[in-house]
Amino acid sequence: MRIAGVVLAGGLARRMGGGDKGLRLVGGRPILAWVIERARPQVVALALNANGDPARLSRFGLPIVPDGLPGFPGPLAGVLAGLDWAAESIADATHIASFATDAPFLPLDLVARLAAALEAGADLACAASGGRDHPVFGLWPVALRHELRRAMVEDGVRKVDLWTGRYRLARVEFPSAPVDPFFNANEPDDLAAAERLAHG
C-alpha cells in the first residue's frame, strides 16, 4: 500500500461556535499542529481538506484541498476530496487515511493498524475505542473514489456509516485508557479538558 493522508477540516464547527476548530489552542499550539505532527509521519504525503480562504491555513505548509461538492455535505466530501487529490497528485497512491482536525492525541500507529486490517481482507477500515466507532479516522481505497462520488451525488449519501455499510468494514479497536486517543474538542468545554490532557 502507498498511503497518503487528509486532515478533515472542512466542517462548520457549529458546536464550537463556528470558525476553525483546528486553530483553537491547546498547550499553546493550534490543535491542527498537534494533529499534523502525529499524522504526517504515518503517510507518504498529507493534505488539509478545508473550505473558504486557504490563506488562513498557509502557515501549516500543506496542500489545501476544498470540498468538490457544494453545501458543506460533511466528512464524506472531505474524504472524496482527499481521494481525488491523491489520485491526481500522489504517484501510485493506493489509499488515503483520514484524520479529524480536532483530535490532538490521535494514535501514532493508527495508519499501520488500519492497513493491517485491510491486508487481512477488509475493503475499508475505521478506528474504534471505548465501544464507539470513529469513522472519520479511516482508510479508504483510491479505487473507490468514483463510487463514492456517485453515492453522494446520485444517492444523496451523507452519513459515513451509510457509505461504509456497503463494504466489508474492519473496526480496529484502540485502548481508551488512560486517555482515549480519539478525544476530540467539539465544544468550548472540551478545550479545557484537552489542555489538562496535554499537560498530563
Protein backbone atom coordinates (compact mmCIF):
# COMPACT_ATOMS: atom_id res chain seq x y z
CA MET A 1 0.00 0.00 0.00
CA ARG A 2 1.03 3.57 -0.67
CA ILE A 3 -1.00 5.69 1.70
CA ALA A 4 -1.50 9.46 1.57
CA GLY A 5 -3.39 11.34 4.26
CA VAL A 6 -6.02 14.06 4.56
CA VAL A 7 -6.95 16.06 7.65
CA LEU A 8 -10.67 16.80 7.54
CA ALA A 9 -11.13 20.46 8.43
CA GLY A 10 -13.98 21.36 6.09
CA GLY A 11 -16.82 21.46 8.62
CA LEU A 12 -18.66 24.43 10.07
CA ALA A 13 -17.78 23.77 13.76
CA ARG A 14 -21.25 24.81 14.92
CA ARG A 15 -20.86 23.34 18.41
CA MET A 16 -17.63 25.28 18.85
CA GLY A 17 -19.35 28.50 17.87
CA GLY A 18 -18.11 28.49 14.27
CA GLY A 19 -14.70 29.13 12.78
CA ASP A 20 -11.85 26.65 12.50
CA LYS A 21 -11.72 24.18 15.38
CA GLY A 22 -8.20 23.26 14.37
CA LEU A 23 -6.98 26.79 15.08
CA ARG A 24 -8.09 26.73 18.74
CA LEU A 25 -5.11 26.49 21.06
CA VAL A 26 -4.15 23.54 23.25
CA GLY A 27 -0.85 23.71 25.11
CA GLY A 28 -0.08 26.97 23.35
CA ARG A 29 -0.35 25.44 19.87
CA PRO A 30 -3.24 25.10 17.41
CA ILE A 31 -4.97 21.72 17.67
CA LEU A 32 -4.22 21.28 13.97
CA ALA A 33 -0.49 21.47 14.69
CA TRP A 34 -0.86 18.55 17.12
CA VAL A 35 -2.80 16.55 14.52
CA ILE A 36 -0.29 17.23 11.74
CA GLU A 37 2.65 16.33 13.97
CA ARG A 38 1.13 12.91 14.71
CA ALA A 39 -0.34 12.21 11.27
CA ARG A 40 2.44 13.31 8.91
CA PRO A 41 4.96 10.54 9.76
CA GLN A 42 2.29 7.89 9.09
CA VAL A 43 1.66 8.77 5.42
CA VAL A 44 3.66 9.50 2.26
CA ALA A 45 2.02 12.93 1.86
CA LEU A 46 -0.53 14.93 3.80
CA ALA A 47 -3.18 17.43 2.67
CA LEU A 48 -5.70 19.57 4.50
CA ASN A 49 -9.34 19.46 3.44
CA ALA A 50 -10.69 22.94 4.14
CA ASN A 51 -13.15 25.34 2.56
CA GLY A 52 -13.01 29.12 2.32
CA ASP A 53 -9.90 31.26 2.09
CA PRO A 54 -6.89 28.92 2.15
CA ALA A 55 -4.55 31.71 3.26
CA ARG A 56 -5.65 31.34 6.89
CA LEU A 57 -4.11 27.85 6.93
CA SER A 58 -0.99 28.53 4.87
CA ARG A 59 1.23 28.52 7.96
CA PHE A 60 0.92 24.72 8.15
CA GLY A 61 2.61 24.22 4.78
CA LEU A 62 0.16 21.62 3.49
CA PRO A 63 -1.76 21.45 0.22
CA ILE A 64 -5.29 22.81 0.83
CA VAL A 65 -7.97 20.69 -0.83
CA PRO A 66 -11.53 22.09 -0.72
CA ASP A 67 -14.69 20.02 -1.00
CA GLY A 68 -15.56 19.26 -4.59
CA LEU A 69 -19.27 19.16 -3.76
CA PRO A 70 -21.25 22.25 -2.71
CA GLY A 71 -23.12 22.95 0.50
CA PHE A 72 -20.77 21.54 3.17
CA PRO A 73 -22.11 17.98 2.82
CA GLY A 74 -19.96 16.60 5.65
CA PRO A 75 -16.87 14.48 6.19
CA LEU A 76 -17.52 12.19 3.23
CA ALA A 77 -17.00 15.19 0.96
CA GLY A 78 -13.62 15.69 2.60
CA VAL A 79 -12.75 12.05 2.09
CA LEU A 80 -13.74 12.35 -1.57
CA ALA A 81 -11.63 15.50 -1.95
CA GLY A 82 -8.70 13.64 -0.41
CA LEU A 83 -9.17 10.67 -2.74
CA ASP A 84 -9.25 12.95 -5.78
CA TRP A 85 -6.16 14.82 -4.59
CA ALA A 86 -4.25 11.57 -4.00
CA ALA A 87 -5.26 10.15 -7.40
CA GLU A 88 -4.19 13.31 -9.20
CA SER A 89 -1.13 14.37 -7.19
CA ILE A 90 0.49 11.40 -5.42
CA ALA A 91 2.17 8.87 -7.70
CA ASP A 92 0.93 5.32 -7.19
CA ALA A 93 -1.25 6.24 -4.17
CA THR A 94 -3.45 3.27 -3.34
CA HIS A 95 -5.26 4.63 -0.25
CA ILE A 96 -5.81 7.69 1.86
CA ALA A 97 -6.02 7.82 5.61
CA SER A 98 -8.40 10.42 7.02
CA PHE A 99 -7.86 12.26 10.29
CA ALA A 100 -10.18 14.53 12.24
CA THR A 101 -8.94 18.07 12.74
CA ASP A 102 -9.98 18.20 16.41
CA ALA A 103 -8.26 15.12 17.90
CA PRO A 104 -4.84 16.22 19.16
CA PHE A 105 -3.88 12.86 20.70
CA LEU A 106 -4.55 10.50 17.77
CA PRO A 107 -2.56 7.23 17.80
CA LEU A 108 0.90 7.19 16.29
CA ASP A 109 0.23 3.69 14.94
CA LEU A 110 -3.22 4.48 13.53
CA VAL A 111 -2.42 4.02 9.85
CA ALA A 112 -0.31 0.89 10.37
CA ARG A 113 -3.10 -0.81 12.29
CA LEU A 114 -5.79 0.20 9.81
CA ALA A 115 -3.61 -1.04 6.96
CA ALA A 116 -3.14 -4.39 8.69
CA ALA A 117 -6.93 -4.76 8.82
CA LEU A 118 -7.17 -4.21 5.07
CA GLU A 119 -4.39 -6.70 4.44
CA ALA A 120 -6.48 -9.22 6.39
CA GLY A 121 -9.29 -8.89 3.85
CA ALA A 122 -11.40 -5.81 4.62
CA ASP A 123 -12.33 -3.20 2.00
CA LEU A 124 -12.31 -0.27 4.41
CA ALA A 125 -11.14 0.24 7.97
CA CYS A 126 -12.03 2.69 10.71
CA ALA A 127 -10.87 3.23 14.26
CA ALA A 128 -12.84 2.44 17.41
CA SER A 129 -12.30 2.94 21.14
CA GLY A 130 -14.34 2.65 24.29
CA GLY A 131 -17.17 0.90 22.46
CA ARG A 132 -17.55 3.71 19.90
CA ASP A 133 -16.63 3.80 16.23
CA HIS A 134 -14.68 6.78 14.88
CA PRO A 135 -15.48 6.61 11.18
CA VAL A 136 -13.64 9.81 10.22
CA PHE A 137 -10.42 8.04 11.22
CA GLY A 138 -10.44 5.68 8.30
CA LEU A 139 -8.50 4.07 5.48
CA TRP A 140 -10.05 4.45 2.03
CA PRO A 141 -9.00 2.90 -1.31
CA VAL A 142 -8.38 5.45 -4.05
CA ALA A 143 -10.05 2.98 -6.43
CA LEU A 144 -13.42 3.67 -4.76
CA ARG A 145 -13.43 7.42 -5.38
CA HIS A 146 -15.80 7.27 -8.36
CA GLU A 147 -18.19 5.03 -6.43
CA LEU A 148 -18.13 7.45 -3.50
CA ARG A 149 -18.85 10.42 -5.78
CA ARG A 150 -21.74 8.54 -7.38
CA ALA A 151 -23.16 7.61 -3.97
CA MET A 152 -23.04 11.23 -2.80
CA VAL A 153 -24.32 12.86 -5.99
CA GLU A 154 -26.84 10.29 -7.21
CA ASP A 155 -27.94 8.57 -3.99
CA GLY A 156 -27.61 11.55 -1.65
CA VAL A 157 -25.41 9.63 0.80
CA ARG A 158 -24.08 11.91 3.53
CA LYS A 159 -23.50 9.72 6.58
CA VAL A 160 -20.19 7.89 6.70
CA ASP A 161 -21.86 4.77 8.12
CA LEU A 162 -24.23 4.54 5.15
CA TRP A 163 -21.28 4.51 2.79
CA THR A 164 -19.07 2.11 4.74
CA GLY A 165 -22.05 -0.22 5.20
CA ARG A 166 -21.81 -1.09 1.53
CA TYR A 167 -18.40 -2.70 2.01
CA ARG A 168 -16.51 -5.06 4.28
CA LEU A 169 -15.55 -2.70 7.08
CA ALA A 170 -12.95 -3.55 9.71
CA ARG A 171 -13.33 -1.75 13.05
CA VAL A 172 -9.90 -1.52 14.65
CA GLU A 173 -10.11 -1.13 18.42
CA PHE A 174 -7.66 1.11 20.26
CA PRO A 175 -7.35 1.24 24.08
CA SER A 176 -9.25 4.15 25.63
CA ALA A 177 -7.23 4.26 28.87
CA PRO A 178 -5.52 6.14 30.36
CA VAL A 179 -6.55 8.63 27.64
CA ASP A 180 -8.87 7.98 24.71
CA PRO A 181 -6.63 8.78 21.72
CA PHE A 182 -9.70 9.93 19.79
CA PHE A 183 -10.71 12.54 22.35
CA ASN A 184 -11.99 15.42 20.25
CA ALA A 185 -12.52 19.07 21.04
CA ASN A 186 -16.04 19.63 19.76
CA GLU A 187 -17.24 22.22 22.28
CA PRO A 188 -15.58 25.04 24.25
CA ASP A 189 -15.52 22.94 27.45
CA ASP A 190 -13.53 20.28 25.62
CA LEU A 191 -10.66 22.71 25.16
CA ALA A 192 -10.12 22.87 28.90
CA ALA A 193 -10.10 19.07 29.09
CA ALA A 194 -7.63 18.90 26.20
CA GLU A 195 -5.41 21.40 27.99
CA ARG A 196 -5.32 19.17 31.07
CA LEU A 197 -4.53 16.11 28.95
CA ALA A 198 -1.76 17.94 27.10
CA HIS A 199 -0.04 18.66 30.39
CA GLY A 200 -0.85 15.30 31.95
